[in-house]
Amino acid sequence: MSQEKPLDIIKGAILLERKGKAFYENAFQNTKSETVGEIFNTLANEEEKHIDILEEQYGHLMREGELKAVKRDEKPMDISSVVITEKVQQEVSAAGYEAAAISAAIALEEQAVKFYSEHASSTDNHIEKELYQWLANWEKAHLTFLSELDRELMENIWYDNKFWPVI
């Protein structure tokens, strides 16, 4: 296995995860919604886990010349319990900071899913493929959660503002 390509991918992944973590920490600090803040804080913690995993992989790659097998017991945290509640609906407006931050977070997660998925499909190395696919699936869980949150908030705002067509 060529060490340079996986090394470059891991370095790119660490940077990607650090950007996500910084974004979520900033969003956590700036939100006026306690509940949405909890979501951003949880996502920041998830990105920190990814950084730790990737830095461990980087160290192993530098020492051993290959990546380590993925620990399958690591999974995304279940943040679905903080999804749409009346409190969240009341705290988030369509044009507010939180709604904009959720949209930006969706874009970040889409970028991460694409990055990991492309690298998973472009390698023949089983360990690399497993690592990248595992990270892509983790980011997909974040993306699904954020997309559902965004969709439900949008529908609630449309309903509250009577944007639905008259039948």
Foldseek 3Di string as FASTA:
>chain_A
DDLVVVLVLLVVLLVLLVVLLVLLVVLLVPAPQPLLSVVSVLSSVVSVVVNVQSVVQNVCCVVPVHGDADDVVDARDDPVVSADDVSVLVRDACPDPSLVSLVVSLVSLVVLLVSLVVQLVPDPDPRSVNVSVRSSVRSVVVNVRSVVRNVVSVVVNCVVVVVDDDD
